[in-house]
Amino acid sequence: MAQKDGTALATKARFARSCSVSITIAADAARVWTLLTDAVQFPLWNSTVTKVEGPIAPGQKLRITVPISQRAFTPSVTQFDPPSSMTWSDGKAPIFRGIRHFSITPLGNGSVTFTMTETFTGAMLPVIARTLPDFVPIFERYAADLKRAAESTAIGDTR
């Protein structure tokens, strides 16, 4: 059965957890990429993020604050291929590792499919898993926020 556009799917195992969402966006890849890589503007369109510190660029370490916990996460940008894909990674394998991958796939009609997947793995996952939020509603809101911002035609209208 196909996953509904914009609906996140989570999988859980003892030493691996993941969440993924895909959504069709009526905008070109460059527009979506610009939104995903502008750290200053990121919290203006993305209600799942309070603050992004550091440039979203190859090899850079970010400091991302989220409203769900006001905790800061510090991933590094480990893969950067404009305007089609990017990966943020945090933690140390085999203890605990989080990897978030973003992809933008042109559909040939001026639209794209945006996909975001986050995977957690490691020996400490069974202990840490209790502290992780339910990523399904967070990912769905993230994708909906990105769609709204990318499809907006008004300058500055990102919500």
Protein backbone atom coordinates (compact mmCIF):
# COMPACT_ATOMS: atom_id res chain seq x y z
CA MET A 1 0.00 0.00 0.00
CA ALA A 2 1.40 3.41 -0.99
CA GLN A 3 2.03 6.00 1.66
CA LYS A 4 -0.26 9.05 1.41
CA ASP A 5 1.46 12.28 0.30
CA GLY A 6 2.64 14.14 3.41
CA THR A 7 2.00 11.23 5.79
CA ALA A 8 4.99 10.10 7.83
CA LEU A 9 5.83 6.48 8.50
CA ALA A 10 7.85 5.28 11.50
CA THR A 11 9.56 1.93 11.96
CA LYS A 12 10.97 0.57 15.20
CA ALA A 13 13.39 -2.23 16.02
CA ARG A 14 15.54 -2.85 19.06
CA PHE A 15 18.66 -1.17 17.66
CA ALA A 16 17.19 0.97 14.86
CA ARG A 17 14.38 3.50 14.53
CA SER A 18 13.43 5.57 11.53
CA CYS A 19 10.83 8.03 10.38
CA SER A 20 10.22 9.17 6.82
CA VAL A 21 7.90 11.56 5.02
CA SER A 22 7.46 12.45 1.34
CA ILE A 23 5.37 15.24 -0.08
CA THR A 24 4.75 16.72 -3.52
CA ILE A 25 5.56 20.42 -3.70
CA ALA A 26 4.49 22.69 -6.57
CA ALA A 27 7.82 24.53 -6.74
CA ASP A 28 11.15 23.92 -8.40
CA ALA A 29 14.08 22.22 -6.69
CA ALA A 30 16.02 25.48 -6.35
CA ARG A 31 13.20 27.12 -4.35
CA VAL A 32 12.92 24.14 -1.98
CA TRP A 33 16.72 23.91 -1.64
CA THR A 34 16.96 27.60 -0.75
CA LEU A 35 14.43 27.17 2.05
CA LEU A 36 16.23 24.08 3.41
CA THR A 37 19.66 25.71 3.45
CA ASP A 38 18.97 29.26 4.69
CA ALA A 39 19.68 28.95 8.43
CA VAL A 40 18.51 32.46 9.26
CA GLN A 41 15.11 32.07 7.58
CA PHE A 42 14.61 28.41 8.57
CA PRO A 43 12.61 29.08 11.78
CA LEU A 44 10.39 31.59 9.95
CA TRP A 45 8.81 28.91 7.78
CA ASN A 46 9.45 25.76 9.87
CA SER A 47 7.31 25.52 13.02
CA THR A 48 9.28 22.45 14.19
CA VAL A 49 12.47 24.50 14.66
CA THR A 50 13.02 27.47 16.97
CA LYS A 51 16.56 28.40 15.95
CA VAL A 52 19.37 27.28 13.61
CA GLU A 53 22.89 28.45 14.34
CA GLY A 54 25.70 27.94 11.86
CA PRO A 55 25.67 27.85 8.08
CA ILE A 56 23.89 24.94 6.43
CA ALA A 57 26.84 24.08 4.23
CA PRO A 58 29.23 21.17 3.62
CA GLY A 59 31.19 20.09 6.70
CA GLN A 60 29.52 22.62 9.01
CA LYS A 61 28.30 21.86 12.52
CA LEU A 62 24.82 23.20 13.26
CA ARG A 63 23.08 24.00 16.51
CA ILE A 64 19.36 23.43 16.12
CA THR A 65 16.85 24.26 18.85
CA VAL A 66 13.42 22.68 18.65
CA PRO A 67 10.25 23.84 20.44
CA ILE A 68 9.25 20.37 21.60
CA SER A 69 12.04 20.33 24.21
CA GLN A 70 14.04 23.57 23.75
CA ARG A 71 16.99 21.18 23.59
CA ALA A 72 19.74 21.94 21.09
CA PHE A 73 20.90 19.27 18.65
CA THR A 74 24.32 19.60 17.02
CA PRO A 75 24.46 17.66 13.75
CA SER A 76 27.10 18.15 11.11
CA VAL A 77 26.31 18.56 7.42
CA THR A 78 27.96 15.40 6.10
CA GLN A 79 26.60 15.32 2.56
CA PHE A 80 25.61 18.32 0.42
CA ASP A 81 24.58 18.00 -3.23
CA PRO A 82 22.63 21.11 -4.36
CA PRO A 83 19.78 21.15 -5.18
CA SER A 84 18.99 17.47 -4.76
CA SER A 85 20.19 16.04 -1.42
CA MET A 86 21.73 16.75 1.93
CA THR A 87 22.52 14.70 5.05
CA TRP A 88 22.94 15.78 8.67
CA SER A 89 24.65 13.37 11.08
CA ASP A 90 25.13 13.36 14.84
CA GLY A 91 26.47 10.94 17.45
CA LYS A 92 29.04 8.18 17.36
CA ALA A 93 28.56 4.70 15.93
CA PRO A 94 28.23 2.07 17.33
CA ILE A 95 27.03 3.79 20.54
CA PHE A 96 24.27 6.06 19.15
CA ARG A 97 23.97 7.72 15.76
CA GLY A 98 21.31 9.87 14.16
CA ILE A 99 21.26 10.54 10.43
CA ARG A 100 18.72 12.82 8.71
CA HIS A 101 18.64 12.72 4.93
CA PHE A 102 16.81 15.22 2.72
CA SER A 103 16.13 14.64 -0.97
CA ILE A 104 14.45 16.74 -3.63
CA THR A 105 13.39 14.92 -6.80
CA PRO A 106 12.10 16.96 -9.78
CA LEU A 107 8.90 15.58 -11.29
CA GLY A 108 9.31 17.28 -14.67
CA ASN A 109 6.23 19.49 -14.34
CA GLY A 110 7.68 22.29 -12.19
CA SER A 111 7.01 20.26 -9.03
CA VAL A 112 9.24 18.13 -6.84
CA THR A 113 8.95 15.32 -4.36
CA PHE A 114 10.58 16.21 -1.05
CA THR A 115 11.58 13.29 1.17
CA MET A 116 13.06 13.46 4.65
CA THR A 117 14.20 10.36 6.54
CA GLU A 118 15.80 10.15 9.95
CA THR A 119 17.38 6.97 11.25
CA PHE A 120 18.67 6.30 14.74
CA THR A 121 20.94 3.31 15.40
CA GLY A 122 23.30 2.06 18.07
CA ALA A 123 23.81 0.00 21.16
CA MET A 124 22.35 2.72 23.40
CA LEU A 125 19.15 3.10 21.36
CA PRO A 126 17.05 0.82 23.62
CA VAL A 127 17.87 3.15 26.55
CA ILE A 128 17.65 6.43 24.63
CA ALA A 129 14.47 5.48 22.72
CA ARG A 130 12.29 6.31 25.73
CA THR A 131 13.42 9.94 25.52
CA LEU A 132 12.79 10.33 21.78
CA PRO A 133 9.58 12.08 20.72
CA ASP A 134 7.05 10.64 18.29
CA PHE A 135 8.53 11.89 15.03
CA VAL A 136 5.44 11.16 12.90
CA PRO A 137 3.53 14.39 13.69
CA ILE A 138 6.78 16.40 13.69
CA PHE A 139 7.76 15.13 10.23
CA GLU A 140 4.25 15.70 8.87
CA ARG A 141 4.26 19.29 10.16
CA TYR A 142 7.80 19.87 8.80
CA ALA A 143 6.76 18.67 5.31
CA ALA A 144 3.53 20.71 5.38
CA ASP A 145 5.44 23.83 6.49
CA LEU A 146 7.99 23.37 3.70
CA LYS A 147 5.24 22.85 1.11
CA ARG A 148 3.39 25.97 2.28
CA ALA A 149 6.56 28.10 2.19
CA ALA A 150 7.80 26.80 -1.16
CA GLU A 151 4.41 27.22 -2.84
CA SER A 152 3.87 30.70 -1.44
CA THR A 153 3.94 33.42 -4.09
CA ALA A 154 3.92 36.36 -1.71
CA ILE A 155 7.33 37.69 -0.72
CA GLY A 156 7.85 37.03 2.94
CA ASP A 157 4.71 34.86 3.15
CA THR A 158 6.24 31.69 4.56
CA ARG A 159 3.46 30.43 6.87
